[in-house]
């Protein structure tokens, strides 16, 4: 299993509409990609590692897929439409990482 993480750096003055991201963007992504992501999670940054410091990331999501190929098959046909929706919730340039999930426990 792989995890595709999309992280939004918490920069001064950043605009990020968490409600839009939660209620519209990610449900749209999941609907477009179908069963390619098994599930997703959304995080909202609350703070940094030291008390009183700001979160490194203002928001992020993680899409869990069977493989890189599965992710690409789901995202590929809809990439342009999905990316064009980003301006509706943020002005932050996201950072993306694909990782292999080594341990997953419930």
Protein backbone atom coordinates (compact mmCIF):
# COMPACT_ATOMS: atom_id res chain seq x y z
CA UNK A 1 0.00 0.00 0.00
CA UNK A 2 1.13 3.56 -0.68
CA UNK A 3 0.20 6.90 0.83
CA UNK A 4 0.06 10.05 -1.28
CA UNK A 5 0.49 13.04 1.02
CA UNK A 6 -0.37 16.57 -0.09
CA UNK A 7 0.97 19.09 2.43
CA UNK A 8 0.28 22.82 2.51
CA UNK A 9 3.08 24.82 4.21
CA UNK A 10 1.89 27.25 6.87
CA UNK A 11 3.29 30.49 5.50
CA UNK A 12 2.53 33.97 6.93
CA UNK A 13 -0.72 35.29 5.48
CA UNK A 14 -1.64 31.96 3.90
CA UNK A 15 -5.28 31.46 2.91
CA UNK A 16 -6.70 27.99 3.50
CA UNK A 17 -10.43 27.25 3.66
CA UNK A 18 -10.56 24.06 5.75
CA UNK A 19 -14.33 23.68 5.35
CA UNK A 20 -14.13 23.82 1.55
CA UNK A 21 -11.24 21.36 1.58
CA UNK A 22 -13.15 18.95 3.83
CA UNK A 23 -16.64 19.33 2.38
CA UNK A 24 -15.98 19.89 -1.34
CA UNK A 25 -12.45 19.36 -2.59
CA UNK A 26 -11.55 15.97 -1.11
CA UNK A 27 -15.02 14.46 -1.68
CA UNK A 28 -14.69 15.59 -5.33
CA UNK A 29 -11.23 14.03 -5.57
CA UNK A 30 -12.54 10.73 -4.14
CA UNK A 31 -15.56 10.77 -6.47
CA UNK A 32 -13.39 11.38 -9.54
CA UNK A 33 -10.79 8.75 -8.57
CA UNK A 34 -13.39 6.11 -7.65
CA UNK A 35 -11.95 3.09 -5.86
CA UNK A 36 -8.33 3.99 -6.60
CA UNK A 37 -7.85 5.60 -3.21
CA UNK A 38 -9.12 3.09 -0.65
CA UNK A 39 -9.65 5.96 1.77
CA UNK A 40 -8.27 9.36 2.67
CA UNK A 41 -7.59 11.44 5.75
CA UNK A 42 -7.47 15.21 6.22
CA UNK A 43 -5.33 16.96 8.84
CA UNK A 44 -5.63 20.53 10.12
CA UNK A 45 -2.40 21.94 11.56
CA UNK A 46 -2.71 23.03 15.19
CA UNK A 47 0.84 23.67 16.37
CA UNK A 48 4.51 22.92 15.99
CA UNK A 49 6.70 20.58 18.00
CA UNK A 50 7.51 23.16 20.67
CA UNK A 51 4.76 24.73 22.79
CA UNK A 52 3.39 27.91 21.27
CA UNK A 53 4.97 27.45 17.85
CA UNK A 54 2.86 27.46 14.69
CA UNK A 55 2.10 24.29 12.75
CA UNK A 56 4.54 23.52 9.96
CA UNK A 57 1.63 22.70 7.67
CA UNK A 58 -1.69 24.53 7.67
CA UNK A 59 -3.45 21.48 6.22
CA UNK A 60 -2.79 18.18 4.53
CA UNK A 61 -4.43 15.09 3.13
CA UNK A 62 -3.32 11.52 2.69
CA UNK A 63 -4.73 9.24 -0.02
CA UNK A 64 -4.19 5.52 0.58
CA UNK A 65 -3.92 3.43 -2.61
CA UNK A 66 -2.86 -0.11 -3.47
CA UNK A 67 0.03 1.09 -5.62
CA UNK A 68 1.56 4.05 -7.43
CA UNK A 69 0.00 2.71 -10.62
CA UNK A 70 -3.43 2.64 -8.99
CA UNK A 71 -3.01 6.25 -7.86
CA UNK A 72 -1.90 7.32 -11.34
CA UNK A 73 -4.80 5.48 -12.98
CA UNK A 74 -7.28 7.30 -10.74
CA UNK A 75 -5.66 10.72 -10.83
CA UNK A 76 -4.43 10.86 -14.43
CA UNK A 77 -7.72 11.44 -16.27
CA UNK A 78 -8.85 14.04 -13.70
CA UNK A 79 -5.58 15.78 -12.81
CA UNK A 80 -6.36 19.03 -14.62
CA UNK A 81 -9.85 19.36 -13.10
CA UNK A 82 -8.65 18.47 -9.60
CA UNK A 83 -5.76 20.93 -9.75
CA UNK A 84 -7.97 23.72 -11.08
CA UNK A 85 -10.05 23.49 -7.88
CA UNK A 86 -7.07 24.30 -5.62
CA UNK A 87 -7.57 28.07 -6.02
CA UNK A 88 -11.02 27.69 -4.43
CA UNK A 89 -9.53 26.87 -1.03
CA UNK A 90 -5.91 28.07 -0.88
CA UNK A 91 -3.20 30.29 -2.27
CA UNK A 92 -0.47 27.98 -0.92
CA UNK A 93 1.67 25.85 -3.24
CA UNK A 94 1.28 22.25 -2.01
CA UNK A 95 4.11 19.80 -1.46
CA UNK A 96 3.45 16.19 -2.49
CA UNK A 97 5.09 12.98 -1.37
CA UNK A 98 4.40 9.33 -2.19
CA UNK A 99 5.39 6.87 0.53
CA UNK A 100 5.22 3.15 1.03
CA UNK A 101 3.09 2.29 4.06
CA UNK A 102 5.33 -0.01 6.07
CA UNK A 103 3.08 -0.47 9.13
CA UNK A 104 -0.65 0.16 9.43
CA UNK A 105 -2.36 -0.67 12.70
CA UNK A 106 -5.91 -0.07 13.84
